[in-house]
Amino acid sequence: MGNHPIESLMKTAMESIQQIVDVNTIVGDPVETHDGSVIIPISRVSCGFAAGGSEFAPTEDSKEHLNAGGQASALPFGGGAGAGVSVQPVAFLVVGNGTIRLLPVDSNVVVDRLIDTVPDLLDRVVGMFQKKKRTADEIIIARD
């Protein structure tokens, strides 16, 4: 089967989408701040694609026109293709001062902030228990 017109429509649309959407669209270029922290934007990319077409049946008049090989000429074709891309910011990844933090953009910031602080809180609680245990051990050793 030769090249069908719908193939060129689809190829053109897909090449255009490929030029728009690449890895730098999802994970953006890092930006360095004056204090040495690096901020990396993270986005959600959605895309849609559609293509369609139709060959029209020959009319009675065109059936009389045969090409040199005795075959009917190619059927007329009508078609179209379209694509859409949506880029939505999701979060910012902040790397600096020995920490990595994810700062979300959406409305659930409070929940995400709590989840972000849980490891630090656990470290502090464990440190308090270890400090109390060391103090108790020192008191027992001092009595002996």
N, C-alpha and C. Protein backbone atom coordinates (compact mmCIF):
# COMPACT_ATOMS: atom_id res chain seq x y z
N MET A 1 0.85 -1.17 0.00
CA MET A 1 0.00 0.00 0.00
C MET A 1 0.89 1.23 0.00
N GLY A 2 0.60 2.19 -0.86
CA GLY A 2 1.39 3.41 -0.97
C GLY A 2 1.11 4.38 0.16
N ASN A 3 1.75 5.53 0.10
CA ASN A 3 1.52 6.56 1.11
C ASN A 3 0.10 7.10 1.00
N HIS A 4 -0.62 7.00 2.07
CA HIS A 4 -1.97 7.51 2.13
C HIS A 4 -1.92 8.91 2.71
N PRO A 5 -2.78 9.82 2.29
CA PRO A 5 -2.74 11.19 2.81
C PRO A 5 -2.89 11.29 4.33
N ILE A 6 -3.59 10.37 4.96
CA ILE A 6 -3.76 10.43 6.41
C ILE A 6 -2.44 10.20 7.13
N GLU A 7 -1.55 9.43 6.51
CA GLU A 7 -0.24 9.18 7.10
C GLU A 7 0.56 10.47 7.23
N SER A 8 0.52 11.30 6.21
CA SER A 8 1.27 12.57 6.29
C SER A 8 0.64 13.52 7.31
N LEU A 9 -0.69 13.49 7.43
CA LEU A 9 -1.35 14.31 8.45
C LEU A 9 -0.91 13.90 9.84
N MET A 10 -0.91 12.60 10.10
CA MET A 10 -0.52 12.10 11.42
C MET A 10 0.95 12.37 11.70
N LYS A 11 1.79 12.19 10.71
CA LYS A 11 3.22 12.41 10.89
C LYS A 11 3.51 13.86 11.24
N THR A 12 2.88 14.79 10.56
CA THR A 12 3.08 16.22 10.82
C THR A 12 2.62 16.58 12.23
N ALA A 13 1.46 16.08 12.63
CA ALA A 13 0.95 16.39 13.97
C ALA A 13 1.84 15.81 15.05
N MET A 14 2.29 14.58 14.90
CA MET A 14 3.14 13.95 15.90
C MET A 14 4.50 14.63 15.99
N GLU A 15 5.06 15.07 14.88
CA GLU A 15 6.34 15.79 14.91
C GLU A 15 6.18 17.12 15.65
N SER A 16 5.05 17.78 15.46
CA SER A 16 4.80 19.03 16.16
C SER A 16 4.69 18.81 17.67
N ILE A 17 3.99 17.77 18.08
CA ILE A 17 3.88 17.46 19.51
C ILE A 17 5.25 17.13 20.09
N GLN A 18 6.04 16.38 19.35
CA GLN A 18 7.36 15.99 19.82
C GLN A 18 8.26 17.21 20.03
N GLN A 19 8.14 18.22 19.19
CA GLN A 19 8.92 19.44 19.35
C GLN A 19 8.49 20.22 20.59
N ILE A 20 7.19 20.16 20.92
CA ILE A 20 6.68 20.93 22.06
C ILE A 20 7.00 20.23 23.38
N VAL A 21 6.74 18.92 23.44
CA VAL A 21 6.86 18.18 24.70
C VAL A 21 8.18 17.40 24.71
N ASP A 22 9.05 17.77 25.63
CA ASP A 22 10.26 17.00 25.88
C ASP A 22 10.48 16.94 27.38
N VAL A 23 11.55 16.32 27.81
CA VAL A 23 11.78 16.14 29.25
C VAL A 23 11.93 17.49 29.95
N ASN A 24 12.43 18.51 29.28
CA ASN A 24 12.59 19.82 29.92
C ASN A 24 11.26 20.52 30.15
N THR A 25 10.21 20.03 29.52
CA THR A 25 8.89 20.59 29.78
C THR A 25 8.36 20.08 31.12
N ILE A 26 8.64 18.83 31.44
CA ILE A 26 8.15 18.24 32.68
C ILE A 26 9.04 18.63 33.86
N VAL A 27 10.33 18.39 33.76
CA VAL A 27 11.29 18.81 34.78
C VAL A 27 12.05 19.98 34.16
N GLY A 28 11.72 21.18 34.62
CA GLY A 28 12.26 22.39 34.01
C GLY A 28 13.74 22.60 34.29
N ASP A 29 14.27 23.63 33.68
CA ASP A 29 15.67 23.99 33.87
C ASP A 29 15.89 24.50 35.29
N PRO A 30 16.96 24.05 35.96
CA PRO A 30 17.21 24.49 37.34
C PRO A 30 17.61 25.97 37.38
N VAL A 31 17.18 26.62 38.48
CA VAL A 31 17.50 28.03 38.70
C VAL A 31 18.26 28.12 40.01
N GLU A 32 19.45 28.73 39.98
CA GLU A 32 20.25 28.86 41.20
C GLU A 32 19.99 30.22 41.84
N THR A 33 19.75 30.21 43.16
CA THR A 33 19.49 31.45 43.89
C THR A 33 20.80 32.00 44.45
N HIS A 34 20.73 33.21 45.01
CA HIS A 34 21.93 33.86 45.52
C HIS A 34 22.53 33.14 46.73
N ASP A 35 21.71 32.37 47.47
CA ASP A 35 22.23 31.64 48.63
C ASP A 35 22.76 30.25 48.28
N GLY A 36 22.78 29.90 47.01
CA GLY A 36 23.30 28.62 46.55
C GLY A 36 22.27 27.52 46.40
N SER A 37 21.02 27.78 46.78
CA SER A 37 19.97 26.78 46.60
C SER A 37 19.62 26.67 45.12
N VAL A 38 19.16 25.51 44.74
CA VAL A 38 18.75 25.27 43.35
C VAL A 38 17.26 24.95 43.35
N ILE A 39 16.51 25.65 42.50
CA ILE A 39 15.07 25.44 42.39
C ILE A 39 14.78 24.83 41.02
N ILE A 40 14.06 23.69 41.06
CA ILE A 40 13.73 22.98 39.82
C ILE A 40 12.21 22.91 39.70
N PRO A 41 11.63 23.53 38.67
CA PRO A 41 10.17 23.44 38.49
C PRO A 41 9.76 22.08 37.93
N ILE A 42 8.64 21.57 38.43
CA ILE A 42 8.09 20.29 37.98
C ILE A 42 6.67 20.55 37.47
N SER A 43 6.36 20.06 36.27
CA SER A 43 5.05 20.31 35.66
C SER A 43 4.40 19.01 35.24
N ARG A 44 3.09 19.07 35.07
CA ARG A 44 2.32 17.96 34.52
C ARG A 44 1.98 18.32 33.08
N VAL A 45 2.26 17.41 32.18
CA VAL A 45 1.99 17.65 30.77
C VAL A 45 0.95 16.64 30.29
N SER A 46 -0.11 17.15 29.68
CA SER A 46 -1.14 16.30 29.10
C SER A 46 -1.26 16.65 27.62
N CYS A 47 -1.43 15.64 26.81
CA CYS A 47 -1.60 15.94 25.39
C CYS A 47 -2.64 15.00 24.79
N GLY A 48 -3.27 15.50 23.77
CA GLY A 48 -4.27 14.72 23.06
C GLY A 48 -4.04 14.84 21.56
N PHE A 49 -4.45 13.84 20.83
CA PHE A 49 -4.20 13.81 19.40
C PHE A 49 -5.37 13.13 18.71
N ALA A 50 -5.77 13.67 17.59
CA ALA A 50 -6.83 13.06 16.80
C ALA A 50 -6.56 13.28 15.32
N ALA A 51 -6.87 12.29 14.53
CA ALA A 51 -6.72 12.41 13.08
C ALA A 51 -7.84 11.61 12.44
N GLY A 52 -8.29 12.07 11.31
CA GLY A 52 -9.35 11.36 10.61
C GLY A 52 -9.45 11.81 9.18
N GLY A 53 -10.09 11.01 8.39
CA GLY A 53 -10.24 11.35 6.99
C GLY A 53 -11.21 10.43 6.30
N SER A 54 -11.45 10.76 5.06
CA SER A 54 -12.40 9.96 4.29
C SER A 54 -12.07 10.05 2.81
N GLU A 55 -12.24 8.94 2.13
CA GLU A 55 -12.14 8.96 0.68
C GLU A 55 -13.56 9.03 0.14
N PHE A 56 -13.75 9.86 -0.81
CA PHE A 56 -15.08 10.05 -1.37
C PHE A 56 -15.29 9.12 -2.55
N ALA A 57 -16.47 8.58 -2.62
CA ALA A 57 -16.80 7.66 -3.72
C ALA A 57 -16.84 8.43 -5.03
N PRO A 58 -16.37 7.81 -6.08
CA PRO A 58 -16.40 8.50 -7.37
C PRO A 58 -17.83 8.68 -7.88
N THR A 59 -18.03 9.75 -8.56
CA THR A 59 -19.34 9.99 -9.15
C THR A 59 -19.44 9.19 -10.45
N GLU A 60 -20.64 9.10 -10.99
CA GLU A 60 -20.85 8.36 -12.24
C GLU A 60 -20.02 8.95 -13.37
N ASP A 61 -19.87 10.28 -13.38
CA ASP A 61 -19.10 10.92 -14.44
C ASP A 61 -17.63 10.55 -14.37
N SER A 62 -17.07 10.45 -13.15
CA SER A 62 -15.63 10.18 -13.02
C SER A 62 -15.31 8.72 -13.27
N LYS A 63 -16.28 7.81 -13.23
CA LYS A 63 -16.01 6.41 -13.51
C LYS A 63 -15.61 6.22 -14.96
N GLU A 64 -16.02 7.12 -15.80
CA GLU A 64 -15.68 7.00 -17.21
C GLU A 64 -14.23 7.37 -17.47
N HIS A 65 -13.63 8.16 -16.55
CA HIS A 65 -12.24 8.61 -16.74
C HIS A 65 -11.29 7.60 -16.11
N LEU A 66 -10.66 6.83 -16.94
CA LEU A 66 -9.69 5.84 -16.48
C LEU A 66 -8.30 6.35 -16.78
N ASN A 67 -7.35 5.98 -15.94
CA ASN A 67 -5.97 6.41 -16.23
C ASN A 67 -5.38 5.50 -17.30
N ALA A 68 -4.13 5.73 -17.65
CA ALA A 68 -3.51 5.02 -18.77
C ALA A 68 -3.46 3.51 -18.56
N GLY A 69 -3.41 3.07 -17.32
CA GLY A 69 -3.33 1.63 -17.04
C GLY A 69 -4.68 0.95 -17.07
N GLY A 70 -5.73 1.67 -17.38
CA GLY A 70 -7.06 1.10 -17.42
C GLY A 70 -7.71 1.03 -16.05
N GLN A 71 -7.05 1.67 -15.03
CA GLN A 71 -7.61 1.68 -13.68
C GLN A 71 -8.19 3.05 -13.40
N ALA A 72 -9.13 3.09 -12.49
CA ALA A 72 -9.72 4.38 -12.11
C ALA A 72 -8.68 5.20 -11.36
N SER A 73 -8.73 6.51 -11.48
CA SER A 73 -7.78 7.38 -10.78
C SER A 73 -8.06 7.33 -9.27
N ALA A 74 -7.10 7.82 -8.47
CA ALA A 74 -7.23 7.78 -7.01
C ALA A 74 -8.48 8.55 -6.56
N LEU A 75 -9.07 8.04 -5.50
CA LEU A 75 -10.27 8.67 -4.97
C LEU A 75 -9.91 9.98 -4.28
N PRO A 76 -10.78 10.96 -4.35
CA PRO A 76 -10.51 12.21 -3.63
C PRO A 76 -10.52 11.96 -2.13
N PHE A 77 -9.64 12.67 -1.39
CA PHE A 77 -9.47 12.48 0.04
C PHE A 77 -9.70 13.79 0.77
N GLY A 78 -10.36 13.72 1.90
CA GLY A 78 -10.52 14.88 2.77
C GLY A 78 -10.24 14.43 4.20
N GLY A 79 -9.43 15.20 4.91
CA GLY A 79 -9.10 14.78 6.27
C GLY A 79 -8.53 15.92 7.08
N GLY A 80 -8.26 15.63 8.31
CA GLY A 80 -7.68 16.63 9.19
C GLY A 80 -7.08 15.97 10.42
N ALA A 81 -6.22 16.69 11.08
CA ALA A 81 -5.59 16.21 12.31
C ALA A 81 -5.47 17.39 13.26
N GLY A 82 -5.47 17.08 14.53
CA GLY A 82 -5.31 18.13 15.52
C GLY A 82 -4.69 17.58 16.79
N ALA A 83 -4.08 18.46 17.53
CA ALA A 83 -3.45 18.06 18.78
C ALA A 83 -3.55 19.20 19.77
N GLY A 84 -3.51 18.85 21.04
CA GLY A 84 -3.52 19.85 22.09
C GLY A 84 -2.57 19.45 23.20
N VAL A 85 -1.91 20.43 23.78
CA VAL A 85 -0.97 20.18 24.87
C VAL A 85 -1.30 21.11 26.02
N SER A 86 -1.32 20.57 27.23
CA SER A 86 -1.58 21.37 28.42
C SER A 86 -0.40 21.18 29.38
N VAL A 87 0.19 22.29 29.82
CA VAL A 87 1.29 22.24 30.78
C VAL A 87 0.81 22.93 32.06
N GLN A 88 0.85 22.19 33.19
CA GLN A 88 0.35 22.70 34.45
C GLN A 88 1.44 22.55 35.50
N PRO A 89 1.84 23.65 36.17
CA PRO A 89 2.86 23.53 37.22
C PRO A 89 2.33 22.70 38.39
N VAL A 90 3.17 21.82 38.92
CA VAL A 90 2.77 20.94 40.01
C VAL A 90 3.52 21.27 41.30
N ALA A 91 4.84 21.46 41.19
CA ALA A 91 5.65 21.68 42.39
C ALA A 91 6.99 22.28 42.02
N PHE A 92 7.73 22.65 43.06
CA PHE A 92 9.10 23.11 42.90
C PHE A 92 9.97 22.26 43.81
N LEU A 93 11.06 21.72 43.28
CA LEU A 93 12.01 20.95 44.05
C LEU A 93 13.13 21.90 44.45
N VAL A 94 13.34 22.07 45.76
CA VAL A 94 14.34 23.00 46.26
C VAL A 94 15.46 22.20 46.90
N VAL A 95 16.68 22.35 46.36
CA VAL A 95 17.85 21.64 46.87
C VAL A 95 18.82 22.69 47.39
N GLY A 96 19.15 22.59 48.68
CA GLY A 96 20.11 23.53 49.24
C GLY A 96 20.23 23.37 50.74
N ASN A 97 21.34 23.82 51.28
CA ASN A 97 21.61 23.76 52.71
C ASN A 97 21.50 22.34 53.26
N GLY A 98 21.90 21.37 52.48
CA GLY A 98 21.88 19.98 52.92
C GLY A 98 20.51 19.34 52.96
N THR A 99 19.50 19.98 52.40
CA THR A 99 18.15 19.41 52.39
C THR A 99 17.57 19.43 50.99
N ILE A 100 16.59 18.58 50.80
CA ILE A 100 15.81 18.55 49.56
C ILE A 100 14.35 18.66 49.97
N ARG A 101 13.67 19.67 49.43
CA ARG A 101 12.25 19.88 49.77
C ARG A 101 11.43 19.97 48.51
N LEU A 102 10.22 19.42 48.59
CA LEU A 102 9.27 19.52 47.49
C LEU A 102 8.17 20.47 47.92
N LEU A 103 8.04 21.58 47.21
CA LEU A 103 7.03 22.58 47.52
C LEU A 103 5.91 22.50 46.50
N PRO A 104 4.78 21.86 46.86
CA PRO A 104 3.69 21.71 45.91
C PRO A 104 2.98 23.03 45.63
N VAL A 105 2.38 23.12 44.47
CA VAL A 105 1.68 24.33 44.06
C VAL A 105 0.20 24.28 44.42
N ASP A 106 -0.40 23.08 44.46
CA ASP A 106 -1.85 22.98 44.64
C ASP A 106 -2.29 23.28 46.06
N SER A 107 -3.57 23.10 46.32
CA SER A 107 -4.19 23.55 47.57
C SER A 107 -3.90 22.65 48.77
N ASN A 108 -3.33 21.48 48.61
CA ASN A 108 -3.07 20.59 49.73
C ASN A 108 -1.70 20.86 50.36
N VAL A 109 -1.31 22.11 50.43
CA VAL A 109 0.00 22.48 50.93
C VAL A 109 0.15 22.12 52.39
N VAL A 110 -0.89 22.28 53.20
CA VAL A 110 -0.79 22.01 54.64
C VAL A 110 -0.49 20.54 54.87
N VAL A 111 -1.19 19.64 54.20
CA VAL A 111 -0.96 18.21 54.35
C VAL A 111 0.45 17.86 53.89
N ASP A 112 0.86 18.38 52.76
CA ASP A 112 2.20 18.11 52.26
C ASP A 112 3.27 18.65 53.19
N ARG A 113 3.04 19.81 53.77
CA ARG A 113 3.99 20.40 54.71
C ARG A 113 4.12 19.52 55.95
N LEU A 114 3.00 18.97 56.45
CA LEU A 114 3.04 18.07 57.60
C LEU A 114 3.84 16.81 57.27
N ILE A 115 3.59 16.26 56.10
CA ILE A 115 4.33 15.06 55.69
C ILE A 115 5.81 15.38 55.56
N ASP A 116 6.13 16.57 55.11
CA ASP A 116 7.51 17.00 54.97
C ASP A 116 8.22 17.10 56.32
N THR A 117 7.51 17.51 57.37
CA THR A 117 8.14 17.73 58.67
C THR A 117 8.16 16.50 59.57
N VAL A 118 7.45 15.42 59.21
CA VAL A 118 7.40 14.23 60.05
C VAL A 118 8.79 13.63 60.28
N PRO A 119 9.64 13.44 59.27
CA PRO A 119 10.95 12.86 59.55
C PRO A 119 11.78 13.69 60.54
N ASP A 120 11.75 15.01 60.40
CA ASP A 120 12.48 15.88 61.31
C ASP A 120 11.93 15.76 62.74
N LEU A 121 10.61 15.71 62.86
CA LEU A 121 9.97 15.57 64.16
C LEU A 121 10.35 14.24 64.82
N LEU A 122 10.35 13.17 64.05
CA LEU A 122 10.75 11.86 64.58
C LEU A 122 12.20 11.87 65.06
N ASP A 123 13.09 12.51 64.30
CA ASP A 123 14.49 12.62 64.71
C ASP A 123 14.61 13.35 66.04
N ARG A 124 13.84 14.40 66.22
CA ARG A 124 13.88 15.16 67.48
C ARG A 124 13.37 14.33 68.66
N VAL A 125 12.27 13.60 68.45
CA VAL A 125 11.71 12.77 69.52
C VAL A 125 12.70 11.67 69.90
N VAL A 126 13.27 11.00 68.93
CA VAL A 126 14.27 9.96 69.20
C VAL A 126 15.45 10.56 69.94
N GLY A 127 15.88 11.75 69.54
CA GLY A 127 16.99 12.42 70.21
C GLY A 127 16.67 12.74 71.66
N MET A 128 15.45 13.13 71.95
CA MET A 128 15.04 13.42 73.33
C MET A 128 15.08 12.16 74.18
N PHE A 129 14.58 11.02 73.64
CA PHE A 129 14.60 9.78 74.40
C PHE A 129 16.03 9.30 74.64
N GLN A 130 16.88 9.46 73.63
CA GLN A 130 18.27 9.04 73.79
C GLN A 130 18.97 9.92 74.83
N LYS A 131 18.65 11.21 74.85
CA LYS A 131 19.24 12.13 75.81
C LYS A 131 18.79 11.76 77.23
N LYS A 132 17.50 11.43 77.40
CA LYS A 132 16.99 11.02 78.71
C LYS A 132 17.64 9.72 79.15
N LYS A 133 17.84 8.78 78.23
CA LYS A 133 18.44 7.51 78.56
C LYS A 133 19.89 7.71 78.97
N ARG A 134 20.63 8.57 78.26
CA ARG A 134 22.02 8.85 78.62
C ARG A 134 22.09 9.48 80.00
N THR A 135 21.20 10.40 80.30
CA THR A 135 21.17 11.06 81.61
C THR A 135 20.88 10.04 82.70
N ALA A 136 19.93 9.15 82.46
CA ALA A 136 19.60 8.11 83.44
C ALA A 136 20.78 7.16 83.63
N ASP A 137 21.46 6.79 82.56
CA ASP A 137 22.63 5.91 82.64
C ASP A 137 23.75 6.59 83.43
N GLU A 138 23.95 7.90 83.20
CA GLU A 138 24.99 8.65 83.91
C GLU A 138 24.68 8.70 85.40
N ILE A 139 23.41 8.83 85.77
CA ILE A 139 23.02 8.87 87.18
C ILE A 139 23.29 7.51 87.84
N ILE A 140 22.96 6.43 87.13
CA ILE A 140 23.20 5.08 87.67
C ILE A 140 24.69 4.83 87.83
N ILE A 141 25.48 5.25 86.86
CA ILE A 141 26.95 5.07 86.92
C ILE A 141 27.52 5.90 88.08
N ALA A 142 27.02 7.10 88.26
CA ALA A 142 27.52 7.97 89.34
C ALA A 142 27.21 7.37 90.71
N ARG A 143 26.12 6.64 90.88
CA ARG A 143 25.76 6.04 92.16
C ARG A 143 26.68 4.87 92.51
N ASP A 144 27.11 4.17 91.46
CA ASP A 144 27.95 2.99 91.71
C ASP A 144 29.29 3.44 92.17
